[in-house]
Amino acid sequence: MFGILMGMEKAKTAKQMERHLKGMANHYRIEILLLVAARAPISLENIVKAIQANEKTIGEHTRRLHRAGLIDKKYRGHFVEHSLSPYGKLFVRFLDSFRHIQ
């Protein structure tokens, strides 16, 4: 506990990092991450409209992003709002810097 408070968090294992990397390893998931970063909180319906893809496809990709720990879901009645998790924010910063490399 003390180590976490002092910023000495235990480094992630290769297996833990693999889970996050696999979580975003798809063009739809990358699009979803970038969209959620720009428009959070955002519902599945609005993600589907923005990306113009099948709702079941986008639903599966948001489920995988959530399972990988990259997006958070908050249930609001019949709707689910999506936002970036702390790890999702790190990955979006990486994606932004990566796509602007010449």
N, C-alpha and C. Protein backbone atom coordinates (compact mmCIF):
# COMPACT_ATOMS: atom_id res chain seq x y z
N MET A 1 0.83 -1.20 0.00
CA MET A 1 0.00 0.00 0.00
C MET A 1 0.87 1.25 0.00
N PHE A 2 1.89 1.29 0.86
CA PHE A 2 2.75 2.46 0.94
C PHE A 2 3.45 2.73 -0.38
N GLY A 3 3.89 1.65 -1.06
CA GLY A 3 4.57 1.80 -2.34
C GLY A 3 3.70 2.45 -3.39
N ILE A 4 2.40 2.11 -3.39
CA ILE A 4 1.47 2.70 -4.35
C ILE A 4 1.31 4.19 -4.06
N LEU A 5 1.20 4.55 -2.79
CA LEU A 5 1.03 5.95 -2.42
C LEU A 5 2.26 6.78 -2.78
N MET A 6 3.42 6.16 -2.77
CA MET A 6 4.66 6.86 -3.06
C MET A 6 5.03 6.81 -4.54
N GLY A 7 4.14 6.29 -5.40
CA GLY A 7 4.42 6.24 -6.83
C GLY A 7 5.35 5.11 -7.22
N MET A 8 5.52 4.13 -6.36
CA MET A 8 6.42 3.02 -6.65
C MET A 8 5.60 1.79 -7.01
N GLU A 9 4.69 1.96 -7.92
CA GLU A 9 3.81 0.87 -8.31
C GLU A 9 4.60 -0.24 -8.98
N LYS A 10 4.15 -1.44 -8.80
CA LYS A 10 4.78 -2.61 -9.40
C LYS A 10 4.61 -2.55 -10.92
N ALA A 11 5.66 -2.85 -11.64
CA ALA A 11 5.62 -2.82 -13.11
C ALA A 11 4.70 -3.92 -13.62
N LYS A 12 4.02 -3.63 -14.72
CA LYS A 12 3.14 -4.63 -15.35
C LYS A 12 3.98 -5.75 -15.94
N THR A 13 3.42 -6.93 -15.91
CA THR A 13 4.09 -8.08 -16.54
C THR A 13 3.82 -8.03 -18.04
N ALA A 14 4.57 -8.80 -18.79
CA ALA A 14 4.36 -8.90 -20.23
C ALA A 14 2.95 -9.39 -20.53
N LYS A 15 2.45 -10.33 -19.74
CA LYS A 15 1.11 -10.88 -19.93
C LYS A 15 0.04 -9.79 -19.71
N GLN A 16 0.22 -8.96 -18.69
CA GLN A 16 -0.73 -7.88 -18.44
C GLN A 16 -0.71 -6.87 -19.59
N MET A 17 0.49 -6.53 -20.08
CA MET A 17 0.58 -5.59 -21.19
C MET A 17 -0.05 -6.17 -22.45
N GLU A 18 0.12 -7.48 -22.66
CA GLU A 18 -0.48 -8.15 -23.81
C GLU A 18 -1.99 -7.96 -23.82
N ARG A 19 -2.63 -8.08 -22.66
CA ARG A 19 -4.08 -7.93 -22.55
C ARG A 19 -4.52 -6.55 -23.06
N HIS A 20 -3.81 -5.51 -22.68
CA HIS A 20 -4.15 -4.17 -23.14
C HIS A 20 -3.90 -4.00 -24.63
N LEU A 21 -2.76 -4.50 -25.10
CA LEU A 21 -2.43 -4.36 -26.52
C LEU A 21 -3.40 -5.12 -27.41
N LYS A 22 -3.75 -6.34 -27.01
CA LYS A 22 -4.73 -7.11 -27.78
C LYS A 22 -6.09 -6.42 -27.75
N GLY A 23 -6.37 -5.74 -26.66
CA GLY A 23 -7.64 -5.04 -26.53
C GLY A 23 -7.85 -3.97 -27.57
N MET A 24 -6.78 -3.38 -28.06
CA MET A 24 -6.94 -2.32 -29.06
C MET A 24 -6.48 -2.76 -30.45
N ALA A 25 -6.14 -4.01 -30.62
CA ALA A 25 -5.56 -4.50 -31.88
C ALA A 25 -6.61 -4.78 -32.95
N ASN A 26 -7.35 -3.74 -33.34
CA ASN A 26 -8.36 -3.85 -34.39
C ASN A 26 -8.71 -2.43 -34.81
N HIS A 27 -8.93 -2.20 -36.09
CA HIS A 27 -9.19 -0.84 -36.56
C HIS A 27 -10.47 -0.27 -35.96
N TYR A 28 -11.50 -1.08 -35.77
CA TYR A 28 -12.72 -0.58 -35.13
C TYR A 28 -12.44 -0.17 -33.69
N ARG A 29 -11.66 -0.96 -32.97
CA ARG A 29 -11.37 -0.64 -31.58
C ARG A 29 -10.55 0.63 -31.46
N ILE A 30 -9.63 0.83 -32.39
CA ILE A 30 -8.85 2.06 -32.39
C ILE A 30 -9.78 3.24 -32.66
N GLU A 31 -10.66 3.11 -33.65
CA GLU A 31 -11.63 4.18 -33.93
C GLU A 31 -12.50 4.47 -32.72
N ILE A 32 -12.96 3.42 -32.05
CA ILE A 32 -13.82 3.59 -30.87
C ILE A 32 -13.05 4.31 -29.77
N LEU A 33 -11.82 3.90 -29.50
CA LEU A 33 -11.02 4.57 -28.48
C LEU A 33 -10.87 6.06 -28.77
N LEU A 34 -10.54 6.39 -30.00
CA LEU A 34 -10.36 7.80 -30.37
C LEU A 34 -11.67 8.57 -30.27
N LEU A 35 -12.76 7.94 -30.67
CA LEU A 35 -14.07 8.58 -30.59
C LEU A 35 -14.49 8.80 -29.14
N VAL A 36 -14.31 7.81 -28.32
CA VAL A 36 -14.67 7.95 -26.90
C VAL A 36 -13.81 9.04 -26.26
N ALA A 37 -12.55 9.12 -26.64
CA ALA A 37 -11.68 10.18 -26.10
C ALA A 37 -12.21 11.56 -26.46
N ALA A 38 -12.75 11.69 -27.66
CA ALA A 38 -13.22 13.00 -28.13
C ALA A 38 -14.62 13.34 -27.62
N ARG A 39 -15.47 12.32 -27.36
CA ARG A 39 -16.88 12.60 -27.09
C ARG A 39 -17.45 11.94 -25.84
N ALA A 40 -16.61 11.53 -24.92
CA ALA A 40 -17.11 10.85 -23.71
C ALA A 40 -17.88 11.81 -22.82
N PRO A 41 -18.89 11.33 -22.13
CA PRO A 41 -19.43 9.98 -22.23
C PRO A 41 -20.26 9.84 -23.49
N ILE A 42 -20.20 8.67 -24.11
CA ILE A 42 -20.90 8.44 -25.37
C ILE A 42 -21.59 7.07 -25.32
N SER A 43 -22.80 7.04 -25.83
CA SER A 43 -23.58 5.79 -25.82
C SER A 43 -23.17 4.90 -26.99
N LEU A 44 -23.52 3.62 -26.90
CA LEU A 44 -23.27 2.69 -27.99
C LEU A 44 -23.96 3.17 -29.27
N GLU A 45 -25.19 3.64 -29.12
CA GLU A 45 -25.94 4.14 -30.29
C GLU A 45 -25.18 5.26 -31.00
N ASN A 46 -24.60 6.18 -30.26
CA ASN A 46 -23.86 7.28 -30.87
C ASN A 46 -22.52 6.82 -31.45
N ILE A 47 -21.92 5.80 -30.85
CA ILE A 47 -20.69 5.24 -31.42
C ILE A 47 -21.02 4.60 -32.77
N VAL A 48 -22.11 3.84 -32.82
CA VAL A 48 -22.54 3.18 -34.06
C VAL A 48 -22.80 4.23 -35.14
N LYS A 49 -23.51 5.30 -34.80
CA LYS A 49 -23.79 6.36 -35.78
C LYS A 49 -22.52 7.01 -36.30
N ALA A 50 -21.59 7.29 -35.40
CA ALA A 50 -20.35 7.98 -35.79
C ALA A 50 -19.46 7.09 -36.66
N ILE A 51 -19.38 5.82 -36.34
CA ILE A 51 -18.49 4.91 -37.07
C ILE A 51 -19.19 4.30 -38.28
N GLN A 52 -20.50 4.31 -38.28
CA GLN A 52 -21.33 3.78 -39.37
C GLN A 52 -21.02 2.30 -39.62
N ALA A 53 -21.18 1.54 -38.54
CA ALA A 53 -20.97 0.10 -38.63
C ALA A 53 -22.13 -0.59 -37.93
N ASN A 54 -22.20 -1.90 -38.08
CA ASN A 54 -23.25 -2.70 -37.48
C ASN A 54 -23.22 -2.61 -35.95
N GLU A 55 -24.39 -2.49 -35.33
CA GLU A 55 -24.47 -2.34 -33.88
C GLU A 55 -23.89 -3.55 -33.14
N LYS A 56 -24.14 -4.75 -33.65
CA LYS A 56 -23.59 -5.94 -32.99
C LYS A 56 -22.06 -5.96 -33.07
N THR A 57 -21.52 -5.54 -34.20
CA THR A 57 -20.07 -5.48 -34.36
C THR A 57 -19.46 -4.49 -33.37
N ILE A 58 -20.04 -3.30 -33.31
CA ILE A 58 -19.52 -2.26 -32.41
C ILE A 58 -19.73 -2.68 -30.95
N GLY A 59 -20.85 -3.30 -30.65
CA GLY A 59 -21.09 -3.80 -29.30
C GLY A 59 -20.04 -4.79 -28.86
N GLU A 60 -19.67 -5.69 -29.76
CA GLU A 60 -18.63 -6.68 -29.45
C GLU A 60 -17.28 -6.01 -29.23
N HIS A 61 -16.97 -5.01 -30.04
CA HIS A 61 -15.68 -4.32 -29.89
C HIS A 61 -15.64 -3.49 -28.61
N THR A 62 -16.74 -2.85 -28.23
CA THR A 62 -16.74 -2.11 -26.97
C THR A 62 -16.63 -3.08 -25.79
N ARG A 63 -17.23 -4.26 -25.92
CA ARG A 63 -17.12 -5.28 -24.87
C ARG A 63 -15.66 -5.70 -24.70
N ARG A 64 -14.96 -5.89 -25.81
CA ARG A 64 -13.56 -6.30 -25.75
C ARG A 64 -12.68 -5.18 -25.17
N LEU A 65 -12.98 -3.93 -25.54
CA LEU A 65 -12.23 -2.81 -24.98
C LEU A 65 -12.45 -2.70 -23.47
N HIS A 66 -13.67 -2.95 -23.05
CA HIS A 66 -13.97 -2.93 -21.62
C HIS A 66 -13.26 -4.06 -20.90
N ARG A 67 -13.31 -5.25 -21.47
CA ARG A 67 -12.65 -6.42 -20.88
C ARG A 67 -11.13 -6.21 -20.79
N ALA A 68 -10.57 -5.48 -21.75
CA ALA A 68 -9.13 -5.20 -21.76
C ALA A 68 -8.77 -4.07 -20.81
N GLY A 69 -9.77 -3.44 -20.20
CA GLY A 69 -9.50 -2.37 -19.25
C GLY A 69 -9.24 -1.02 -19.88
N LEU A 70 -9.67 -0.83 -21.14
CA LEU A 70 -9.39 0.42 -21.85
C LEU A 70 -10.56 1.39 -21.84
N ILE A 71 -11.78 0.90 -21.66
CA ILE A 71 -12.92 1.80 -21.52
C ILE A 71 -13.74 1.38 -20.30
N ASP A 72 -14.41 2.37 -19.74
CA ASP A 72 -15.32 2.14 -18.63
C ASP A 72 -16.74 2.25 -19.15
N LYS A 73 -17.64 1.53 -18.51
CA LYS A 73 -19.06 1.59 -18.87
C LYS A 73 -19.85 2.02 -17.64
N LYS A 74 -20.81 2.92 -17.87
CA LYS A 74 -21.70 3.35 -16.79
C LYS A 74 -23.12 3.19 -17.29
N TYR A 75 -23.91 2.42 -16.56
CA TYR A 75 -25.27 2.11 -16.99
C TYR A 75 -26.21 3.22 -16.57
N ARG A 76 -26.97 3.74 -17.54
CA ARG A 76 -27.95 4.81 -17.33
C ARG A 76 -29.28 4.35 -17.92
N GLY A 77 -30.06 3.62 -17.14
CA GLY A 77 -31.33 3.11 -17.64
C GLY A 77 -31.10 2.13 -18.77
N HIS A 78 -31.66 2.44 -19.95
CA HIS A 78 -31.50 1.57 -21.12
C HIS A 78 -30.20 1.83 -21.87
N PHE A 79 -29.47 2.86 -21.49
CA PHE A 79 -28.26 3.24 -22.21
C PHE A 79 -27.02 2.93 -21.38
N VAL A 80 -25.92 2.75 -22.08
CA VAL A 80 -24.62 2.56 -21.45
C VAL A 80 -23.72 3.67 -21.96
N GLU A 81 -23.16 4.43 -21.02
CA GLU A 81 -22.22 5.49 -21.39
C GLU A 81 -20.80 4.94 -21.33
N HIS A 82 -20.04 5.24 -22.35
CA HIS A 82 -18.66 4.77 -22.44
C HIS A 82 -17.72 5.94 -22.23
N SER A 83 -16.67 5.70 -21.47
CA SER A 83 -15.62 6.69 -21.27
C SER A 83 -14.29 5.95 -21.17
N LEU A 84 -13.21 6.68 -21.29
CA LEU A 84 -11.89 6.04 -21.23
C LEU A 84 -11.51 5.73 -19.79
N SER A 85 -10.91 4.59 -19.61
CA SER A 85 -10.32 4.26 -18.32
C SER A 85 -8.97 4.97 -18.25
N PRO A 86 -8.33 4.97 -17.09
CA PRO A 86 -6.98 5.56 -17.04
C PRO A 86 -6.02 4.92 -18.06
N TYR A 87 -6.09 3.59 -18.23
CA TYR A 87 -5.23 2.93 -19.23
C TYR A 87 -5.65 3.33 -20.64
N GLY A 88 -6.94 3.48 -20.87
CA GLY A 88 -7.43 3.93 -22.16
C GLY A 88 -6.88 5.30 -22.52
N LYS A 89 -6.80 6.19 -21.54
CA LYS A 89 -6.23 7.53 -21.77
C LYS A 89 -4.76 7.44 -22.18
N LEU A 90 -4.02 6.54 -21.53
CA LEU A 90 -2.62 6.34 -21.91
C LEU A 90 -2.49 5.84 -23.34
N PHE A 91 -3.34 4.88 -23.71
CA PHE A 91 -3.28 4.32 -25.05
C PHE A 91 -3.70 5.35 -26.10
N VAL A 92 -4.66 6.20 -25.79
CA VAL A 92 -5.07 7.24 -26.74
C VAL A 92 -3.92 8.23 -26.95
N ARG A 93 -3.20 8.57 -25.89
CA ARG A 93 -2.03 9.46 -26.05
C ARG A 93 -1.00 8.80 -26.96
N PHE A 94 -0.79 7.49 -26.75
CA PHE A 94 0.13 6.75 -27.62
C PHE A 94 -0.35 6.77 -29.07
N LEU A 95 -1.64 6.47 -29.28
CA LEU A 95 -2.19 6.45 -30.64
C LEU A 95 -2.07 7.80 -31.31
N ASP A 96 -2.35 8.88 -30.57
CA ASP A 96 -2.23 10.23 -31.14
C ASP A 96 -0.80 10.52 -31.55
N SER A 97 0.16 10.16 -30.70
CA SER A 97 1.56 10.43 -31.05
C SER A 97 2.01 9.52 -32.19
N PHE A 98 1.56 8.28 -32.19
CA PHE A 98 1.95 7.32 -33.22
C PHE A 98 1.43 7.73 -34.60
N ARG A 99 0.20 8.21 -34.69
CA ARG A 99 -0.35 8.54 -36.00
C ARG A 99 0.22 9.83 -36.56
N HIS A 100 0.93 10.60 -35.76
CA HIS A 100 1.50 11.84 -36.27
C HIS A 100 3.01 11.73 -36.55
N ILE A 101 3.56 10.53 -36.42
CA ILE A 101 4.96 10.31 -36.76
C ILE A 101 5.09 10.29 -38.27
N GLN A 102 6.05 11.01 -38.78
CA GLN A 102 6.22 11.10 -40.25
C GLN A 102 6.96 9.92 -40.78
